[in-house]
Amino acid sequence: MKRDMDIVREILCKISDAPGKPDQDLLVKDKTSEEAERVLYHVELLVEAGLLKGQQPPLRRLGTPMWTDLDLTWAGHDSVDAIRDPQIWNETRKGLEAAGDQRGEAAFGGQRRLCAIRAVNAIGGDSAISRNLDSAMA
């Protein structure tokens, strides 16, 4: 299965907006079993990447891992801050696609950097700030 950065963004934003520490039902509600499997695969990727943490009790639902107590890590909070704005996210995705990255397979850190630079530009920041931000986040 390939990584889908739109699913990653959706997961991070939902967990960030949730009260407390939700379980996977927040993420897979109203999804087909195939869509739920893709979302849970991405939850595992986010845990492995250190952006998300959660518990996996030994209980499984129909062979599918259960995730409870989902929460963002420090890096997860930084990431969601950089990707939350839909306009900035869409502009960043267009830039990645123009660079030949059709599925958002670029390193997530690179996407965070692009989003941060676009955010500075969107609020009227000058190009020197963007260059300094780019250098600092590289």
C-alpha atoms as a PDB file:
ATOM      1  CA  MET A   1       0.000   0.000   0.000  1.00  0.00           C
ATOM      2  CA  LYS A   2       1.321   3.461  -0.837  1.00  0.00           C
ATOM      3  CA  ARG A   3       1.430   6.370   1.524  1.00  0.00           C
ATOM      4  CA  ASP A   4      -1.258   8.972   0.855  1.00  0.00           C
ATOM      5  CA  MET A   5      -0.440  12.378   2.314  1.00  0.00           C
ATOM      6  CA  ASP A   6      -4.072  13.500   2.189  1.00  0.00           C
ATOM      7  CA  ILE A   7      -4.974  10.626   4.519  1.00  0.00           C
ATOM      8  CA  VAL A   8      -2.035  11.580   6.747  1.00  0.00           C
ATOM      9  CA  ARG A   9      -3.309  15.164   6.895  1.00  0.00           C
ATOM     10  CA  GLU A  10      -6.863  14.038   7.641  1.00  0.00           C
ATOM     11  CA  ILE A  11      -5.708  11.803  10.517  1.00  0.00           C
ATOM     12  CA  LEU A  12      -3.479  14.441  12.094  1.00  0.00           C
ATOM     13  CA  CYS A  13      -6.166  17.142  11.885  1.00  0.00           C
ATOM     14  CA  LYS A  14      -8.902  14.893  13.308  1.00  0.00           C
ATOM     15  CA  ILE A  15      -6.747  13.778  16.240  1.00  0.00           C
ATOM     16  CA  SER A  16      -5.692  17.370  16.888  1.00  0.00           C
ATOM     17  CA  ASP A  17      -9.312  18.571  16.936  1.00  0.00           C
ATOM     18  CA  ALA A  18     -10.649  15.708  19.059  1.00  0.00           C
ATOM     19  CA  PRO A  19     -11.390  16.172  22.753  1.00  0.00           C
ATOM     20  CA  GLY A  20      -9.282  13.839  24.871  1.00  0.00           C
ATOM     21  CA  LYS A  21      -7.569  10.836  23.359  1.00  0.00           C
ATOM     22  CA  PRO A  22      -9.933   9.192  20.879  1.00  0.00           C
ATOM     23  CA  ASP A  23      -9.839   5.673  19.535  1.00  0.00           C
ATOM     24  CA  GLN A  24      -9.788   4.645  15.896  1.00  0.00           C
ATOM     25  CA  ASP A  25     -13.563   4.947  15.559  1.00  0.00           C
ATOM     26  CA  LEU A  26     -13.104   8.703  15.137  1.00  0.00           C
ATOM     27  CA  LEU A  27     -11.023   8.026  12.033  1.00  0.00           C
ATOM     28  CA  VAL A  28     -12.928   5.164  10.416  1.00  0.00           C
ATOM     29  CA  LYS A  29     -16.524   6.147  11.146  1.00  0.00           C
ATOM     30  CA  ASP A  30     -18.631   6.060   7.961  1.00  0.00           C
ATOM     31  CA  LYS A  31     -15.819   4.512   5.902  1.00  0.00           C
ATOM     32  CA  THR A  32     -15.955   1.303   3.912  1.00  0.00           C
ATOM     33  CA  SER A  33     -13.855  -1.579   5.205  1.00  0.00           C
ATOM     34  CA  GLU A  34     -11.312  -0.928   2.444  1.00  0.00           C
ATOM     35  CA  GLU A  35     -11.083   2.781   3.331  1.00  0.00           C
ATOM     36  CA  ALA A  36     -10.809   1.931   7.038  1.00  0.00           C
ATOM     37  CA  GLU A  37      -7.947  -0.467   6.301  1.00  0.00           C
ATOM     38  CA  ARG A  38      -6.093   2.319   4.436  1.00  0.00           C
ATOM     39  CA  VAL A  39      -6.653   4.776   7.310  1.00  0.00           C
ATOM     40  CA  LEU A  40      -5.423   2.286   9.925  1.00  0.00           C
ATOM     41  CA  TYR A  41      -2.363   1.529   7.795  1.00  0.00           C
ATOM     42  CA  HIS A  42      -1.595   5.253   7.848  1.00  0.00           C
ATOM     43  CA  VAL A  43      -2.115   5.383  11.628  1.00  0.00           C
ATOM     44  CA  GLU A  44       0.619   2.745  11.903  1.00  0.00           C
ATOM     45  CA  LEU A  45       2.882   4.782   9.614  1.00  0.00           C
ATOM     46  CA  LEU A  46       2.306   7.907  11.706  1.00  0.00           C
ATOM     47  CA  VAL A  47       3.133   6.030  14.912  1.00  0.00           C
ATOM     48  CA  GLU A  48       6.307   4.639  13.302  1.00  0.00           C
ATOM     49  CA  ALA A  49       7.226   8.164  12.124  1.00  0.00           C
ATOM     50  CA  GLY A  50       6.830   9.553  15.648  1.00  0.00           C
ATOM     51  CA  LEU A  51       3.966  11.926  14.769  1.00  0.00           C
ATOM     52  CA  LEU A  52       1.246   9.978  16.555  1.00  0.00           C
ATOM     53  CA  LYS A  53       1.072   7.775  19.622  1.00  0.00           C
ATOM     54  CA  GLY A  54      -1.581   5.350  20.748  1.00  0.00           C
ATOM     55  CA  GLN A  55      -2.272   2.056  22.436  1.00  0.00           C
ATOM     56  CA  GLN A  56      -2.940  -1.256  20.737  1.00  0.00           C
ATOM     57  CA  PRO A  57      -4.731  -3.577  23.134  1.00  0.00           C
ATOM     58  CA  PRO A  58      -4.463  -7.282  22.260  1.00  0.00           C
ATOM     59  CA  LEU A  59      -8.120  -7.200  21.178  1.00  0.00           C
ATOM     60  CA  ARG A  60      -8.678  -7.108  17.419  1.00  0.00           C
ATOM     61  CA  ARG A  61     -11.807  -6.386  15.423  1.00  0.00           C
ATOM     62  CA  LEU A  62     -12.250  -8.878  12.603  1.00  0.00           C
ATOM     63  CA  GLY A  63      -8.485  -9.228  12.290  1.00  0.00           C
ATOM     64  CA  THR A  64      -7.939  -5.458  12.231  1.00  0.00           C
ATOM     65  CA  PRO A  65      -5.690  -3.842  14.844  1.00  0.00           C
ATOM     66  CA  MET A  66      -7.445  -1.670  17.402  1.00  0.00           C
ATOM     67  CA  TRP A  67      -6.043   1.761  18.249  1.00  0.00           C
ATOM     68  CA  THR A  68      -7.022   3.562  21.437  1.00  0.00           C
ATOM     69  CA  ASP A  69      -5.765   6.652  23.279  1.00  0.00           C
ATOM     70  CA  LEU A  70      -4.602   8.305  20.049  1.00  0.00           C
ATOM     71  CA  ASP A  71      -2.703  11.555  20.526  1.00  0.00           C
ATOM     72  CA  LEU A  72      -0.204  13.725  18.680  1.00  0.00           C
ATOM     73  CA  THR A  73       3.440  13.818  19.672  1.00  0.00           C
ATOM     74  CA  TRP A  74       5.420  17.077  19.763  1.00  0.00           C
ATOM     75  CA  ALA A  75       6.424  16.506  16.129  1.00  0.00           C
ATOM     76  CA  GLY A  76       2.807  15.671  15.294  1.00  0.00           C
ATOM     77  CA  HIS A  77       1.650  19.017  16.683  1.00  0.00           C
ATOM     78  CA  ASP A  78       4.324  20.815  14.636  1.00  0.00           C
ATOM     79  CA  SER A  79       3.214  18.934  11.534  1.00  0.00           C
ATOM     80  CA  VAL A  80      -0.482  19.647  11.927  1.00  0.00           C
ATOM     81  CA  ASP A  81       0.268  23.331  12.520  1.00  0.00           C
ATOM     82  CA  ALA A  82       2.093  23.421   9.190  1.00  0.00           C
ATOM     83  CA  ILE A  83      -0.543  21.548   7.148  1.00  0.00           C
ATOM     84  CA  ARG A  84      -3.874  22.603   8.683  1.00  0.00           C
ATOM     85  CA  ASP A  85      -4.740  25.524   6.372  1.00  0.00           C
ATOM     86  CA  PRO A  86      -6.473  24.014   3.295  1.00  0.00           C
ATOM     87  CA  GLN A  87      -5.303  26.735   0.925  1.00  0.00           C
ATOM     88  CA  ILE A  88      -1.671  26.347   1.956  1.00  0.00           C
ATOM     89  CA  TRP A  89      -2.006  22.549   1.815  1.00  0.00           C
ATOM     90  CA  ASN A  90      -3.500  22.690  -1.711  1.00  0.00           C
ATOM     91  CA  GLU A  91      -0.788  25.059  -2.941  1.00  0.00           C
ATOM     92  CA  THR A  92       1.862  22.804  -1.458  1.00  0.00           C
ATOM     93  CA  ARG A  93       0.305  19.724  -3.090  1.00  0.00           C
ATOM     94  CA  LYS A  94       0.263  21.544  -6.462  1.00  0.00           C
ATOM     95  CA  GLY A  95       3.952  22.379  -6.033  1.00  0.00           C
ATOM     96  CA  LEU A  96       4.793  18.762  -5.237  1.00  0.00           C
ATOM     97  CA  GLU A  97       2.780  17.531  -8.212  1.00  0.00           C
ATOM     98  CA  ALA A  98       4.550  20.019 -10.488  1.00  0.00           C
ATOM     99  CA  ALA A  99       7.821  18.584  -9.214  1.00  0.00           C
ATOM    100  CA  GLY A 100       6.649  15.101 -10.222  1.00  0.00           C
ATOM    101  CA  ASP A 101       5.470  13.984  -6.787  1.00  0.00           C
ATOM    102  CA  GLN A 102       1.938  12.868  -7.720  1.00  0.00           C
ATOM    103  CA  ARG A 103       1.042  11.057  -4.478  1.00  0.00           C
ATOM    104  CA  GLY A 104       2.809  13.221  -1.930  1.00  0.00           C
ATOM    105  CA  GLU A 105       5.627  10.736  -1.508  1.00  0.00           C
ATOM    106  CA  ALA A 106       8.123  13.454  -0.595  1.00  0.00           C
ATOM    107  CA  ALA A 107       9.439  13.396   2.936  1.00  0.00           C
ATOM    108  CA  PHE A 108       6.868  14.846   5.316  1.00  0.00           C
ATOM    109  CA  GLY A 109       9.475  17.247   6.674  1.00  0.00           C
ATOM    110  CA  GLY A 110       9.806  18.697   3.191  1.00  0.00           C
ATOM    111  CA  GLN A 111       6.071  19.217   3.005  1.00  0.00           C
ATOM    112  CA  ARG A 112       6.084  20.897   6.419  1.00  0.00           C
ATOM    113  CA  ARG A 113       8.824  23.222   5.196  1.00  0.00           C
ATOM    114  CA  LEU A 114       6.900  24.079   2.017  1.00  0.00           C
ATOM    115  CA  CYS A 115       3.709  24.708   4.021  1.00  0.00           C
ATOM    116  CA  ALA A 116       5.538  26.942   6.494  1.00  0.00           C
ATOM    117  CA  ILE A 117       7.096  29.006   3.710  1.00  0.00           C
ATOM    118  CA  ARG A 118       3.727  29.342   1.961  1.00  0.00           C
ATOM    119  CA  ALA A 119       2.143  30.387   5.272  1.00  0.00           C
ATOM    120  CA  VAL A 120       4.741  33.147   5.730  1.00  0.00           C
ATOM    121  CA  ASN A 121       4.132  34.313   2.172  1.00  0.00           C
ATOM    122  CA  ALA A 122       0.335  34.170   2.630  1.00  0.00           C
ATOM    123  CA  ILE A 123       0.463  36.594   5.556  1.00  0.00           C
ATOM    124  CA  GLY A 124       2.597  39.013   3.608  1.00  0.00           C
ATOM    125  CA  GLY A 125       5.992  37.917   4.873  1.00  0.00           C
ATOM    126  CA  ASP A 126       8.943  38.996   2.822  1.00  0.00           C
ATOM    127  CA  SER A 127      11.165  36.686   0.832  1.00  0.00           C
ATOM    128  CA  ALA A 128      14.048  37.079   3.321  1.00  0.00           C
ATOM    129  CA  ILE A 129      11.909  35.474   6.043  1.00  0.00           C
ATOM    130  CA  SER A 130      10.988  32.657   3.645  1.00  0.00           C
ATOM    131  CA  ARG A 131      14.653  32.070   2.771  1.00  0.00           C
ATOM    132  CA  ASN A 132      15.650  32.065   6.467  1.00  0.00           C
ATOM    133  CA  LEU A 133      12.796  29.695   7.293  1.00  0.00           C
ATOM    134  CA  ASP A 134      13.786  27.437   4.414  1.00  0.00           C
ATOM    135  CA  SER A 135      17.403  27.372   5.625  1.00  0.00           C
ATOM    136  CA  ALA A 136      16.409  26.747   9.230  1.00  0.00           C
ATOM    137  CA  MET A 137      14.070  23.871   8.392  1.00  0.00           C
ATOM    138  CA  ALA A 138      16.356  22.180   5.855  1.00  0.00           C
END
